[in-house]
Amino acid sequence: MSPDLRHILVAAAALAAAAVASGVLKRAWSERTSRRPWLIAAGWLLIAVILTAPSLVLGGAQGPFIAMTMISVAALGTVACNVQLRAARARAERSLAPEPSDRPSKAWRGWLRAALAGPIGMVASMGAAIAFVTLTPGDTQTRLIFGGLMVPLLWGGAMAWTLADDKILRAAAVLVGVSIVTFTAAALKGLT
């Protein structure tokens, strides 16, 4: 028998046995009688046999690999056979970008949002990047490059968060706290 045909036959047998095992385990999941423990034991025993039998035919490397793959495919097939499609509920139209809060705006909130999205967000992102560079192990040049790439990404995240969040004081407290903690951690590491 050719090796390719042997692999195909072993895979087909493992798939069939795994389909039976996943069906038995699915049945045990919905069973509420005294047969349930026996079904669970039978399902897991069959899976153990599926995992060991192909290694006798194909070897210790290929056999378990094919067996695990076929068990996963059979379990996915069992789950896919039981999918139920439901009609979607009618939803109100939503845009991808949520609207800002509808409460009346105050001048100080606008100025605080601009300060948080701009310089305070930049300082927090720079603090996080500097703390990353000083606290992580590795090659200095690599850490500096990663730190430099982190700043615009973190700053953009801080901008998006502060402009979208309704609780502006929470955003202010988090960004100021991140700035203080990260710069303090970087300074303490630099002093030691």
N, C-alpha and C. Protein backbone atom coordinates (compact mmCIF):
# COMPACT_ATOMS: atom_id res chain seq x y z
N MET A 1 0.86 -1.18 0.00
CA MET A 1 0.00 0.00 0.00
C MET A 1 0.90 1.23 0.00
N SER A 2 0.55 2.20 -0.83
CA SER A 2 1.37 3.41 -0.92
C SER A 2 1.17 4.26 0.33
N PRO A 3 2.19 5.05 0.67
CA PRO A 3 2.08 5.89 1.88
C PRO A 3 0.94 6.92 1.79
N ASP A 4 0.70 7.45 0.59
CA ASP A 4 -0.38 8.43 0.45
C ASP A 4 -1.74 7.81 0.71
N LEU A 5 -1.96 6.61 0.16
CA LEU A 5 -3.23 5.93 0.37
C LEU A 5 -3.41 5.56 1.84
N ARG A 6 -2.32 5.16 2.50
CA ARG A 6 -2.39 4.83 3.92
C ARG A 6 -2.78 6.07 4.73
N HIS A 7 -2.20 7.22 4.40
CA HIS A 7 -2.55 8.47 5.10
C HIS A 7 -4.02 8.81 4.89
N ILE A 8 -4.51 8.65 3.67
CA ILE A 8 -5.90 8.99 3.37
C ILE A 8 -6.84 8.06 4.12
N LEU A 9 -6.54 6.77 4.14
CA LEU A 9 -7.41 5.82 4.84
C LEU A 9 -7.42 6.06 6.35
N VAL A 10 -6.25 6.35 6.91
CA VAL A 10 -6.18 6.63 8.35
C VAL A 10 -6.95 7.91 8.67
N ALA A 11 -6.79 8.93 7.83
CA ALA A 11 -7.51 10.19 8.07
C ALA A 11 -9.01 10.00 7.95
N ALA A 12 -9.46 9.21 6.96
CA ALA A 12 -10.89 8.97 6.80
C ALA A 12 -11.45 8.19 7.99
N ALA A 13 -10.71 7.18 8.44
CA ALA A 13 -11.17 6.41 9.60
C ALA A 13 -11.21 7.28 10.86
N ALA A 14 -10.19 8.11 11.03
CA ALA A 14 -10.15 9.00 12.20
C ALA A 14 -11.29 10.01 12.14
N LEU A 15 -11.58 10.52 10.95
CA LEU A 15 -12.68 11.49 10.81
C LEU A 15 -14.02 10.83 11.14
N ALA A 16 -14.24 9.62 10.64
CA ALA A 16 -15.50 8.93 10.92
C ALA A 16 -15.63 8.64 12.42
N ALA A 17 -14.58 8.14 13.03
CA ALA A 17 -14.63 7.85 14.46
C ALA A 17 -14.79 9.13 15.28
N ALA A 18 -14.14 10.20 14.85
CA ALA A 18 -14.27 11.47 15.57
C ALA A 18 -15.68 12.03 15.42
N ALA A 19 -16.30 11.82 14.28
CA ALA A 19 -17.69 12.27 14.11
C ALA A 19 -18.61 11.51 15.06
N VAL A 20 -18.37 10.22 15.21
CA VAL A 20 -19.16 9.43 16.16
C VAL A 20 -18.91 9.91 17.58
N ALA A 21 -17.65 10.16 17.93
CA ALA A 21 -17.31 10.61 19.29
C ALA A 21 -17.92 11.96 19.59
N SER A 22 -17.85 12.89 18.65
CA SER A 22 -18.43 14.21 18.91
C SER A 22 -19.95 14.13 18.97
N GLY A 23 -20.55 13.23 18.19
CA GLY A 23 -22.00 13.03 18.29
C GLY A 23 -22.40 12.46 19.64
N VAL A 24 -21.60 11.50 20.14
CA VAL A 24 -21.88 10.91 21.46
C VAL A 24 -21.73 11.97 22.55
N LEU A 25 -20.69 12.80 22.46
CA LEU A 25 -20.49 13.84 23.48
C LEU A 25 -21.58 14.91 23.40
N LYS A 26 -22.05 15.22 22.18
CA LYS A 26 -23.15 16.17 22.04
C LYS A 26 -24.42 15.61 22.66
N ARG A 27 -24.63 14.32 22.43
CA ARG A 27 -25.80 13.66 23.01
C ARG A 27 -25.71 13.68 24.53
N ALA A 28 -24.51 13.44 25.07
CA ALA A 28 -24.32 13.47 26.52
C ALA A 28 -24.58 14.87 27.08
N TRP A 29 -24.30 15.89 26.30
CA TRP A 29 -24.52 17.26 26.75
C TRP A 29 -26.00 17.52 26.97
N SER A 30 -26.85 16.98 26.10
CA SER A 30 -28.29 17.23 26.22
C SER A 30 -29.00 16.17 27.05
N GLU A 31 -28.34 15.08 27.35
CA GLU A 31 -28.94 13.98 28.11
C GLU A 31 -29.00 14.35 29.59
N ARG A 32 -30.13 14.09 30.21
CA ARG A 32 -30.29 14.38 31.64
C ARG A 32 -30.71 13.13 32.42
N THR A 33 -30.31 11.98 31.92
CA THR A 33 -30.68 10.74 32.59
C THR A 33 -29.44 10.10 33.21
N SER A 34 -29.60 8.88 33.70
CA SER A 34 -28.47 8.17 34.30
C SER A 34 -27.47 7.68 33.25
N ARG A 35 -27.82 7.75 31.98
CA ARG A 35 -26.91 7.34 30.91
C ARG A 35 -25.83 8.39 30.62
N ARG A 36 -26.01 9.57 31.11
CA ARG A 36 -25.09 10.67 30.78
C ARG A 36 -23.63 10.36 31.11
N PRO A 37 -23.30 9.89 32.32
CA PRO A 37 -21.89 9.59 32.61
C PRO A 37 -21.31 8.53 31.68
N TRP A 38 -22.13 7.55 31.30
CA TRP A 38 -21.65 6.51 30.40
C TRP A 38 -21.40 7.06 29.00
N LEU A 39 -22.24 7.96 28.56
CA LEU A 39 -22.03 8.58 27.26
C LEU A 39 -20.77 9.43 27.25
N ILE A 40 -20.55 10.18 28.32
CA ILE A 40 -19.34 11.00 28.41
C ILE A 40 -18.10 10.12 28.41
N ALA A 41 -18.13 9.05 29.19
CA ALA A 41 -16.98 8.14 29.24
C ALA A 41 -16.74 7.49 27.89
N ALA A 42 -17.82 7.09 27.21
CA ALA A 42 -17.66 6.45 25.90
C ALA A 42 -17.11 7.43 24.87
N GLY A 43 -17.58 8.66 24.90
CA GLY A 43 -17.08 9.66 23.96
C GLY A 43 -15.61 9.95 24.15
N TRP A 44 -15.20 10.15 25.40
CA TRP A 44 -13.79 10.45 25.66
C TRP A 44 -12.89 9.23 25.45
N LEU A 45 -13.41 8.04 25.71
CA LEU A 45 -12.64 6.83 25.42
C LEU A 45 -12.41 6.68 23.92
N LEU A 46 -13.43 6.96 23.13
CA LEU A 46 -13.29 6.90 21.68
C LEU A 46 -12.29 7.95 21.18
N ILE A 47 -12.29 9.13 21.78
CA ILE A 47 -11.30 10.15 21.39
C ILE A 47 -9.89 9.69 21.76
N ALA A 48 -9.73 9.04 22.91
CA ALA A 48 -8.41 8.52 23.30
C ALA A 48 -7.94 7.46 22.31
N VAL A 49 -8.85 6.62 21.86
CA VAL A 49 -8.50 5.60 20.86
C VAL A 49 -8.11 6.27 19.54
N ILE A 50 -8.86 7.30 19.16
CA ILE A 50 -8.56 8.01 17.92
C ILE A 50 -7.18 8.67 17.99
N LEU A 51 -6.82 9.16 19.15
CA LEU A 51 -5.51 9.82 19.29
C LEU A 51 -4.36 8.82 19.27
N THR A 52 -4.57 7.61 19.73
CA THR A 52 -3.46 6.65 19.80
C THR A 52 -3.37 5.73 18.60
N ALA A 53 -4.48 5.34 18.00
CA ALA A 53 -4.45 4.36 16.92
C ALA A 53 -3.67 4.83 15.69
N PRO A 54 -3.81 6.06 15.22
CA PRO A 54 -3.04 6.46 14.03
C PRO A 54 -1.54 6.47 14.26
N SER A 55 -1.10 6.65 15.48
CA SER A 55 0.35 6.64 15.72
C SER A 55 0.92 5.24 15.56
N LEU A 56 0.10 4.20 15.72
CA LEU A 56 0.57 2.84 15.49
C LEU A 56 0.78 2.57 14.00
N VAL A 57 -0.03 3.23 13.17
CA VAL A 57 0.04 2.99 11.73
C VAL A 57 1.01 3.95 11.06
N LEU A 58 0.97 5.24 11.44
CA LEU A 58 1.74 6.26 10.74
C LEU A 58 2.98 6.74 11.48
N GLY A 59 3.12 6.37 12.73
CA GLY A 59 4.27 6.83 13.49
C GLY A 59 3.87 7.85 14.53
N GLY A 60 4.82 8.17 15.39
CA GLY A 60 4.55 9.06 16.52
C GLY A 60 4.41 10.51 16.17
N ALA A 61 4.83 10.94 14.99
CA ALA A 61 4.72 12.35 14.62
C ALA A 61 3.48 12.61 13.78
N GLN A 62 3.28 11.83 12.73
CA GLN A 62 2.18 12.09 11.81
C GLN A 62 0.84 11.58 12.35
N GLY A 63 0.85 10.48 13.07
CA GLY A 63 -0.40 9.90 13.54
C GLY A 63 -1.20 10.82 14.46
N PRO A 64 -0.62 11.28 15.56
CA PRO A 64 -1.38 12.18 16.43
C PRO A 64 -1.78 13.49 15.75
N PHE A 65 -0.91 13.99 14.85
CA PHE A 65 -1.25 15.22 14.14
C PHE A 65 -2.51 15.04 13.30
N ILE A 66 -2.56 13.95 12.54
CA ILE A 66 -3.74 13.68 11.71
C ILE A 66 -4.95 13.44 12.60
N ALA A 67 -4.76 12.71 13.71
CA ALA A 67 -5.88 12.42 14.60
C ALA A 67 -6.46 13.70 15.21
N MET A 68 -5.59 14.58 15.70
CA MET A 68 -6.08 15.83 16.30
C MET A 68 -6.77 16.71 15.27
N THR A 69 -6.24 16.72 14.06
CA THR A 69 -6.87 17.52 13.01
C THR A 69 -8.26 16.98 12.69
N MET A 70 -8.38 15.68 12.57
CA MET A 70 -9.68 15.09 12.23
C MET A 70 -10.68 15.25 13.38
N ILE A 71 -10.21 15.18 14.62
CA ILE A 71 -11.11 15.41 15.76
C ILE A 71 -11.64 16.84 15.72
N SER A 72 -10.76 17.79 15.42
CA SER A 72 -11.20 19.20 15.34
C SER A 72 -12.19 19.41 14.21
N VAL A 73 -11.93 18.80 13.06
CA VAL A 73 -12.84 18.94 11.91
C VAL A 73 -14.19 18.32 12.22
N ALA A 74 -14.18 17.14 12.85
CA ALA A 74 -15.45 16.49 13.19
C ALA A 74 -16.23 17.29 14.22
N ALA A 75 -15.55 17.85 15.21
CA ALA A 75 -16.25 18.67 16.21
C ALA A 75 -16.82 19.92 15.58
N LEU A 76 -16.06 20.53 14.67
CA LEU A 76 -16.57 21.70 13.97
C LEU A 76 -17.78 21.34 13.12
N GLY A 77 -17.73 20.17 12.48
CA GLY A 77 -18.88 19.72 11.69
C GLY A 77 -20.10 19.47 12.55
N THR A 78 -19.90 18.90 13.75
CA THR A 78 -21.02 18.66 14.66
C THR A 78 -21.65 19.98 15.09
N VAL A 79 -20.81 20.96 15.38
CA VAL A 79 -21.33 22.27 15.77
C VAL A 79 -22.04 22.93 14.59
N ALA A 80 -21.45 22.82 13.39
CA ALA A 80 -22.04 23.47 12.21
C ALA A 80 -23.38 22.83 11.83
N CYS A 81 -23.54 21.55 12.08
CA CYS A 81 -24.81 20.89 11.75
C CYS A 81 -25.95 21.37 12.63
N ASN A 82 -25.64 21.89 13.78
CA ASN A 82 -26.68 22.31 14.73
C ASN A 82 -26.86 23.81 14.80
N VAL A 83 -26.37 24.53 13.82
CA VAL A 83 -26.53 25.97 13.80
C VAL A 83 -27.97 26.32 13.49
N GLN A 84 -28.52 27.25 14.23
CA GLN A 84 -29.88 27.71 13.99
C GLN A 84 -29.82 29.16 13.55
N LEU A 85 -30.41 29.45 12.43
CA LEU A 85 -30.46 30.82 11.94
C LEU A 85 -31.75 31.46 12.41
N ARG A 86 -31.63 32.61 13.00
CA ARG A 86 -32.79 33.33 13.50
C ARG A 86 -32.93 34.63 12.73
N ALA A 87 -34.13 35.11 12.68
CA ALA A 87 -34.36 36.40 12.04
C ALA A 87 -33.81 37.50 12.94
N ALA A 88 -33.13 38.43 12.34
CA ALA A 88 -32.53 39.52 13.11
C ALA A 88 -33.62 40.47 13.60
N ARG A 89 -33.42 40.97 14.80
CA ARG A 89 -34.35 41.96 15.33
C ARG A 89 -34.14 43.29 14.62
N ALA A 90 -35.21 44.01 14.47
CA ALA A 90 -35.10 45.32 13.84
C ALA A 90 -34.40 46.27 14.80
N ARG A 91 -33.40 46.93 14.29
CA ARG A 91 -32.64 47.87 15.13
C ARG A 91 -32.79 49.27 14.56
N ALA A 92 -32.60 50.20 15.45
CA ALA A 92 -32.58 51.59 15.00
C ALA A 92 -31.30 51.82 14.21
N GLU A 93 -31.36 52.70 13.28
CA GLU A 93 -30.18 53.01 12.46
C GLU A 93 -29.09 53.58 13.34
N ARG A 94 -27.91 52.99 13.23
CA ARG A 94 -26.76 53.49 13.99
C ARG A 94 -25.64 53.78 13.03
N SER A 95 -24.94 54.82 13.30
CA SER A 95 -23.79 55.13 12.47
C SER A 95 -22.55 54.50 13.10
N LEU A 96 -21.49 54.41 12.32
CA LEU A 96 -20.26 53.83 12.85
C LEU A 96 -19.61 54.73 13.89
N ALA A 97 -19.79 56.02 13.74
CA ALA A 97 -19.24 56.97 14.71
C ALA A 97 -20.38 57.47 15.59
N PRO A 98 -20.34 57.20 16.88
CA PRO A 98 -21.44 57.66 17.74
C PRO A 98 -21.45 59.18 17.86
N GLU A 99 -22.63 59.68 18.02
CA GLU A 99 -22.79 61.12 18.17
C GLU A 99 -22.30 61.57 19.54
N PRO A 100 -21.77 62.79 19.61
CA PRO A 100 -21.39 63.30 20.94
C PRO A 100 -22.62 63.47 21.82
N SER A 101 -22.38 63.61 23.10
CA SER A 101 -23.50 63.70 24.02
C SER A 101 -24.38 64.89 23.68
N ASP A 102 -25.66 64.74 24.01
CA ASP A 102 -26.64 65.77 23.65
C ASP A 102 -26.81 66.85 24.71
N ARG A 103 -26.06 66.75 25.80
CA ARG A 103 -26.21 67.77 26.83
C ARG A 103 -25.57 69.08 26.37
N PRO A 104 -26.02 70.17 26.93
CA PRO A 104 -25.46 71.45 26.51
C PRO A 104 -23.97 71.52 26.83
N SER A 105 -23.22 72.06 25.91
CA SER A 105 -21.77 72.10 26.09
C SER A 105 -21.38 73.33 26.91
N LYS A 106 -20.31 73.19 27.63
CA LYS A 106 -19.74 74.28 28.41
C LYS A 106 -18.38 74.60 27.81
N ALA A 107 -17.96 75.82 27.95
CA ALA A 107 -16.69 76.23 27.35
C ALA A 107 -15.52 75.49 27.99
N TRP A 108 -15.55 75.29 29.30
CA TRP A 108 -14.42 74.63 29.96
C TRP A 108 -14.28 73.18 29.50
N ARG A 109 -15.42 72.51 29.16
CA ARG A 109 -15.34 71.13 28.68
C ARG A 109 -14.67 71.08 27.32
N GLY A 110 -14.95 72.04 26.46
CA GLY A 110 -14.31 72.08 25.15
C GLY A 110 -12.81 72.32 25.26
N TRP A 111 -12.43 73.26 26.14
CA TRP A 111 -11.00 73.53 26.34
C TRP A 111 -10.28 72.33 26.95
N LEU A 112 -10.96 71.66 27.89
CA LEU A 112 -10.35 70.49 28.51
C LEU A 112 -10.20 69.35 27.50
N ARG A 113 -11.21 69.16 26.65
CA ARG A 113 -11.10 68.14 25.60
C ARG A 113 -9.95 68.44 24.66
N ALA A 114 -9.80 69.67 24.27
CA ALA A 114 -8.70 70.05 23.37
C ALA A 114 -7.35 69.83 24.04
N ALA A 115 -7.26 70.17 25.33
CA ALA A 115 -5.99 69.97 26.04
C ALA A 115 -5.69 68.49 26.22
N LEU A 116 -6.73 67.68 26.49
CA LEU A 116 -6.51 66.25 26.66
C LEU A 116 -6.16 65.57 25.34
N ALA A 117 -6.81 65.97 24.28
CA ALA A 117 -6.53 65.34 22.99
C ALA A 117 -5.18 65.78 22.45
N GLY A 118 -4.74 66.96 22.82
CA GLY A 118 -3.48 67.48 22.30
C GLY A 118 -2.31 67.21 23.23
N PRO A 119 -1.90 68.24 23.99
CA PRO A 119 -0.65 68.11 24.75
C PRO A 119 -0.68 67.08 25.88
N ILE A 120 -1.79 66.95 26.59
CA ILE A 120 -1.81 66.00 27.71
C ILE A 120 -1.78 64.57 27.19
N GLY A 121 -2.49 64.29 26.11
CA GLY A 121 -2.44 62.98 25.49
C GLY A 121 -1.06 62.66 24.95
N MET A 122 -0.39 63.68 24.39
CA MET A 122 0.96 63.49 23.88
C MET A 122 1.93 63.17 25.02
N VAL A 123 1.81 63.89 26.13
CA VAL A 123 2.69 63.65 27.26
C VAL A 123 2.46 62.25 27.83
N ALA A 124 1.20 61.81 27.92
CA ALA A 124 0.91 60.47 28.42
C ALA A 124 1.47 59.41 27.49
N SER A 125 1.33 59.61 26.18
CA SER A 125 1.86 58.61 25.23
C SER A 125 3.38 58.60 25.24
N MET A 126 4.00 59.75 25.38
CA MET A 126 5.46 59.80 25.47
C MET A 126 5.94 59.14 26.77
N GLY A 127 5.22 59.35 27.85
CA GLY A 127 5.58 58.71 29.12
C GLY A 127 5.51 57.20 29.02
N ALA A 128 4.44 56.69 28.39
CA ALA A 128 4.31 55.25 28.24
C ALA A 128 5.44 54.69 27.36
N ALA A 129 5.78 55.41 26.30
CA ALA A 129 6.85 54.95 25.41
C ALA A 129 8.21 55.01 26.10
N ILE A 130 8.47 56.06 26.85
CA ILE A 130 9.75 56.18 27.56
C ILE A 130 9.86 55.11 28.65
N ALA A 131 8.75 54.84 29.34
CA ALA A 131 8.77 53.77 30.35
C ALA A 131 9.01 52.43 29.68
N PHE A 132 8.42 52.21 28.52
CA PHE A 132 8.66 50.97 27.79
C PHE A 132 10.13 50.83 27.43
N VAL A 133 10.73 51.92 26.94
CA VAL A 133 12.14 51.87 26.51
C VAL A 133 13.06 51.62 27.69
N THR A 134 12.77 52.23 28.82
CA THR A 134 13.69 52.08 29.96
C THR A 134 13.46 50.80 30.76
N LEU A 135 12.25 50.28 30.77
CA LEU A 135 11.95 49.15 31.64
C LEU A 135 12.03 47.78 30.97
N THR A 136 11.98 47.72 29.64
CA THR A 136 12.02 46.42 28.99
C THR A 136 13.45 46.02 28.66
N PRO A 137 13.73 44.71 28.73
CA PRO A 137 15.07 44.26 28.36
C PRO A 137 15.18 44.16 26.84
N GLY A 138 16.39 44.11 26.36
CA GLY A 138 16.62 43.94 24.93
C GLY A 138 17.64 44.92 24.41
N ASP A 139 17.83 44.86 23.12
CA ASP A 139 18.79 45.73 22.46
C ASP A 139 18.30 47.18 22.50
N THR A 140 19.19 48.10 22.75
CA THR A 140 18.82 49.51 22.93
C THR A 140 18.18 50.09 21.68
N GLN A 141 18.76 49.81 20.52
CA GLN A 141 18.23 50.38 19.28
C GLN A 141 16.81 49.85 19.01
N THR A 142 16.58 48.59 19.27
CA THR A 142 15.25 48.03 19.04
C THR A 142 14.23 48.65 19.98
N ARG A 143 14.59 48.81 21.22
CA ARG A 143 13.67 49.43 22.18
C ARG A 143 13.36 50.87 21.79
N LEU A 144 14.37 51.61 21.33
CA LEU A 144 14.13 52.99 20.91
C LEU A 144 13.21 53.07 19.71
N ILE A 145 13.38 52.16 18.76
CA ILE A 145 12.51 52.17 17.59
C ILE A 145 11.07 51.85 17.99
N PHE A 146 10.90 50.81 18.82
CA PHE A 146 9.55 50.48 19.26
C PHE A 146 8.94 51.63 20.06
N GLY A 147 9.72 52.25 20.91
CA GLY A 147 9.21 53.39 21.67
C GLY A 147 8.80 54.53 20.77
N GLY A 148 9.60 54.81 19.74
CA GLY A 148 9.24 55.87 18.80
C GLY A 148 8.00 55.55 18.00
N LEU A 149 7.78 54.29 17.69
CA LEU A 149 6.58 53.90 16.95
C LEU A 149 5.34 53.87 17.84
N MET A 150 5.55 53.68 19.13
CA MET A 150 4.42 53.64 20.05
C MET A 150 3.79 55.00 20.27
N VAL A 151 4.60 56.07 20.23
CA VAL A 151 4.09 57.40 20.59
C VAL A 151 2.91 57.83 19.72
N PRO A 152 3.01 57.81 18.37
CA PRO A 152 1.84 58.27 17.60
C PRO A 152 0.63 57.36 17.75
N LEU A 153 0.86 56.06 17.92
CA LEU A 153 -0.28 55.16 18.10
C LEU A 153 -1.00 55.42 19.42
N LEU A 154 -0.22 55.56 20.49
CA LEU A 154 -0.84 55.83 21.79
C LEU A 154 -1.48 57.22 21.82
N TRP A 155 -0.86 58.18 21.17
CA TRP A 155 -1.42 59.52 21.14
C TRP A 155 -2.73 59.53 20.37
N GLY A 156 -2.78 58.81 19.25
CA GLY A 156 -4.03 58.71 18.49
C GLY A 156 -5.12 58.04 19.31
N GLY A 157 -4.76 56.99 20.06
CA GLY A 157 -5.74 56.34 20.93
C GLY A 157 -6.23 57.27 22.02
N ALA A 158 -5.33 58.06 22.59
CA ALA A 158 -5.74 59.02 23.62
C ALA A 158 -6.66 60.09 23.04
N MET A 159 -6.35 60.55 21.82
CA MET A 159 -7.23 61.53 21.17
C MET A 159 -8.62 60.96 20.94
N ALA A 160 -8.68 59.77 20.36
CA ALA A 160 -9.98 59.17 20.06
C ALA A 160 -10.78 58.95 21.33
N TRP A 161 -10.11 58.49 22.38
CA TRP A 161 -10.82 58.22 23.62
C TRP A 161 -11.35 59.50 24.25
N THR A 162 -10.52 60.53 24.34
CA THR A 162 -10.95 61.75 25.02
C THR A 162 -12.03 62.48 24.23
N LEU A 163 -12.00 62.38 22.92
CA LEU A 163 -13.03 63.06 22.14
C LEU A 163 -14.34 62.29 22.11
N ALA A 164 -14.31 60.98 22.33
CA ALA A 164 -15.53 60.18 22.27
C ALA A 164 -16.15 59.95 23.65
N ASP A 165 -15.39 60.06 24.71
CA ASP A 165 -15.90 59.75 26.05
C ASP A 165 -16.72 60.90 26.59
N ASP A 166 -17.89 60.58 27.15
CA ASP A 166 -18.73 61.61 27.75
C ASP A 166 -18.21 62.07 29.10
N LYS A 167 -17.50 61.22 29.80
CA LYS A 167 -16.98 61.56 31.11
C LYS A 167 -15.57 62.12 30.94
N ILE A 168 -15.49 63.41 30.75
CA ILE A 168 -14.22 64.06 30.42
C ILE A 168 -13.28 64.10 31.61
N LEU A 169 -13.83 64.17 32.82
CA LEU A 169 -12.97 64.21 33.99
C LEU A 169 -12.30 62.86 34.24
N ARG A 170 -12.98 61.78 33.89
CA ARG A 170 -12.36 60.46 33.98
C ARG A 170 -11.18 60.36 33.02
N ALA A 171 -11.36 60.83 31.80
CA ALA A 171 -10.27 60.82 30.83
C ALA A 171 -9.10 61.67 31.31
N ALA A 172 -9.41 62.80 31.91
CA ALA A 172 -8.35 63.67 32.42
C ALA A 172 -7.58 62.98 33.53
N ALA A 173 -8.29 62.33 34.45
CA ALA A 173 -7.63 61.65 35.56
C ALA A 173 -6.76 60.50 35.06
N VAL A 174 -7.24 59.74 34.09
CA VAL A 174 -6.47 58.61 33.59
C VAL A 174 -5.22 59.10 32.87
N LEU A 175 -5.34 60.09 32.00
CA LEU A 175 -4.18 60.55 31.24
C LEU A 175 -3.14 61.21 32.14
N VAL A 176 -3.58 61.99 33.11
CA VAL A 176 -2.62 62.60 34.04
C VAL A 176 -1.98 61.52 34.90
N GLY A 177 -2.77 60.54 35.35
CA GLY A 177 -2.22 59.45 36.15
C GLY A 177 -1.22 58.60 35.37
N VAL A 178 -1.53 58.31 34.10
CA VAL A 178 -0.59 57.56 33.26
C VAL A 178 0.70 58.34 33.09
N SER A 179 0.59 59.64 32.88
CA SER A 179 1.79 60.46 32.73
C SER A 179 2.65 60.41 33.97
N ILE A 180 2.04 60.59 35.13
CA ILE A 180 2.81 60.60 36.38
C ILE A 180 3.46 59.25 36.65
N VAL A 181 2.69 58.16 36.48
CA VAL A 181 3.21 56.83 36.79
C VAL A 181 4.33 56.44 35.83
N THR A 182 4.14 56.68 34.54
CA THR A 182 5.14 56.23 33.58
C THR A 182 6.43 57.04 33.67
N PHE A 183 6.31 58.35 33.81
CA PHE A 183 7.53 59.16 33.94
C PHE A 183 8.25 58.85 35.25
N THR A 184 7.50 58.60 36.33
CA THR A 184 8.12 58.25 37.61
C THR A 184 8.84 56.91 37.51
N ALA A 185 8.20 55.94 36.88
CA ALA A 185 8.83 54.63 36.72
C ALA A 185 10.09 54.73 35.87
N ALA A 186 10.03 55.52 34.79
CA ALA A 186 11.21 55.68 33.95
C ALA A 186 12.33 56.39 34.69
N ALA A 187 11.98 57.40 35.50
CA ALA A 187 13.01 58.13 36.25
C ALA A 187 13.63 57.25 37.32
N LEU A 188 12.80 56.45 38.01
CA LEU A 188 13.35 55.57 39.04
C LEU A 188 14.26 54.51 38.44
N LYS A 189 13.91 53.99 37.30
CA LYS A 189 14.77 53.01 36.64
C LYS A 189 16.05 53.67 36.15
N GLY A 190 15.97 54.90 35.70
CA GLY A 190 17.14 55.61 35.23
C GLY A 190 18.11 55.94 36.36
N LEU A 191 17.60 56.11 37.59
CA LEU A 191 18.45 56.45 38.72
C LEU A 191 19.15 55.22 39.29
N THR A 192 18.63 54.03 39.01
CA THR A 192 19.26 52.83 39.57
C THR A 192 20.25 52.21 38.60
